[in-house]
């Protein structure tokens, strides 16, 4: 039930603002008022992102409400963003469990 409500909340969320910070980090503001701090991590090594960095467009994202977008059709959807956050959370939790 909890996962279902999270999924519904995500479906109703819209990105209203995205801004680039240093390196591979972006601040994403949702219509709900929540803010996500997203680090691209390993995705920064993908050829599409390397081309964006080289062209200088990487630090100039925009949103269509459903994704972070750059020119040339490159985007990361809100669903992908949530998946990246959950994946990072799982890795951190596993690392913390190993330390105990």
Protein backbone atom coordinates (compact mmCIF):
# COMPACT_ATOMS: atom_id res chain seq x y z
CA UNK A 1 0.00 0.00 0.00
CA UNK A 2 2.83 2.42 0.85
CA UNK A 3 4.57 1.83 -2.49
CA UNK A 4 1.27 2.41 -4.28
CA UNK A 5 0.75 5.78 -2.56
CA UNK A 6 4.34 6.78 -3.37
CA UNK A 7 3.75 5.82 -7.01
CA UNK A 8 0.53 7.85 -7.15
CA UNK A 9 2.25 10.83 -5.52
CA UNK A 10 5.05 10.62 -8.10
CA UNK A 11 2.52 10.45 -10.95
CA UNK A 12 0.92 13.64 -9.66
CA UNK A 13 4.27 15.43 -9.14
CA UNK A 14 5.64 17.87 -11.63
CA UNK A 15 9.09 19.38 -11.82
CA UNK A 16 8.75 23.13 -11.69
CA UNK A 17 12.42 24.10 -11.55
CA UNK A 18 15.84 22.58 -12.09
CA UNK A 19 19.19 24.20 -11.48
CA UNK A 20 22.72 22.99 -11.97
CA UNK A 21 25.17 23.06 -9.09
CA UNK A 22 28.89 22.28 -9.19
CA UNK A 23 29.99 19.05 -10.78
CA UNK A 24 27.24 16.52 -11.45
CA UNK A 25 24.66 17.82 -8.95
CA UNK A 26 21.24 19.30 -9.67
CA UNK A 27 18.57 20.87 -7.50
CA UNK A 28 15.09 19.79 -8.58
CA UNK A 29 12.01 21.53 -7.19
CA UNK A 30 8.69 19.72 -7.40
CA UNK A 31 5.25 21.28 -7.55
CA UNK A 32 4.58 19.77 -4.11
CA UNK A 33 7.27 22.03 -2.65
CA UNK A 34 9.76 19.19 -2.13
CA UNK A 35 13.30 19.64 -3.36
CA UNK A 36 15.53 16.84 -4.59
CA UNK A 37 19.31 17.10 -4.63
CA UNK A 38 20.43 14.72 -7.37
CA UNK A 39 23.98 13.61 -8.09
CA UNK A 40 24.32 11.84 -11.43
CA UNK A 41 27.19 9.70 -10.21
CA UNK A 42 28.22 7.08 -12.80
CA UNK A 43 25.74 8.39 -15.38
CA UNK A 44 28.07 11.34 -15.90
CA UNK A 45 30.36 8.94 -17.80
CA UNK A 46 27.71 8.10 -20.40
CA UNK A 47 28.59 9.38 -23.89
CA UNK A 48 25.49 11.61 -24.10
CA UNK A 49 26.42 13.43 -20.90
CA UNK A 50 30.08 13.67 -21.92
CA UNK A 51 28.94 15.45 -25.10
CA UNK A 52 26.78 17.83 -23.04
CA UNK A 53 29.72 18.66 -20.78
CA UNK A 54 32.01 19.23 -23.75
CA UNK A 55 29.49 21.56 -25.42
CA UNK A 56 28.88 23.53 -22.20
CA UNK A 57 25.15 22.69 -22.24
CA UNK A 58 25.33 20.36 -19.23
CA UNK A 59 25.01 23.25 -16.77
CA UNK A 60 21.94 24.61 -18.60
CA UNK A 61 19.13 22.11 -17.98
CA UNK A 62 15.45 22.95 -18.25
CA UNK A 63 12.26 21.06 -17.46
CA UNK A 64 9.11 20.16 -19.32
CA UNK A 65 7.48 19.27 -15.99
CA UNK A 66 8.11 15.55 -16.42
CA UNK A 67 11.90 15.44 -16.84
CA UNK A 68 15.18 17.30 -16.65
CA UNK A 69 16.01 18.14 -20.26
CA UNK A 70 18.94 19.34 -22.29
CA UNK A 71 19.22 20.06 -25.99
CA UNK A 72 19.64 17.19 -28.43
CA UNK A 73 16.78 15.24 -26.87
CA UNK A 74 18.70 14.15 -23.76
CA UNK A 75 16.56 13.92 -20.62
CA UNK A 76 16.12 12.18 -17.28
CA UNK A 77 12.50 11.55 -16.30
CA UNK A 78 11.13 12.03 -12.81
CA UNK A 79 10.63 8.26 -12.65
CA UNK A 80 14.33 7.71 -13.47
CA UNK A 81 15.30 10.31 -10.86
CA UNK A 82 13.26 8.53 -8.18
CA UNK A 83 14.83 5.21 -9.19
CA UNK A 84 18.31 6.73 -8.90
CA UNK A 85 17.49 8.07 -5.43
CA UNK A 86 16.09 4.73 -4.27
CA UNK A 87 19.10 2.89 -5.67
CA UNK A 88 21.48 5.27 -3.88
CA UNK A 89 19.47 4.87 -0.66
CA UNK A 90 19.70 1.07 -0.90
CA UNK A 91 23.49 1.23 -1.42
CA UNK A 92 23.90 3.54 1.60
CA UNK A 93 21.74 1.30 3.76
CA UNK A 94 23.73 -1.78 2.72
CA UNK A 95 26.99 0.01 3.45
CA UNK A 96 25.73 1.06 6.90
CA UNK A 97 24.66 -2.53 7.65
CA UNK A 98 28.18 -3.80 6.80
CA UNK A 99 29.73 -1.28 9.20
CA UNK A 100 27.66 -2.52 12.17
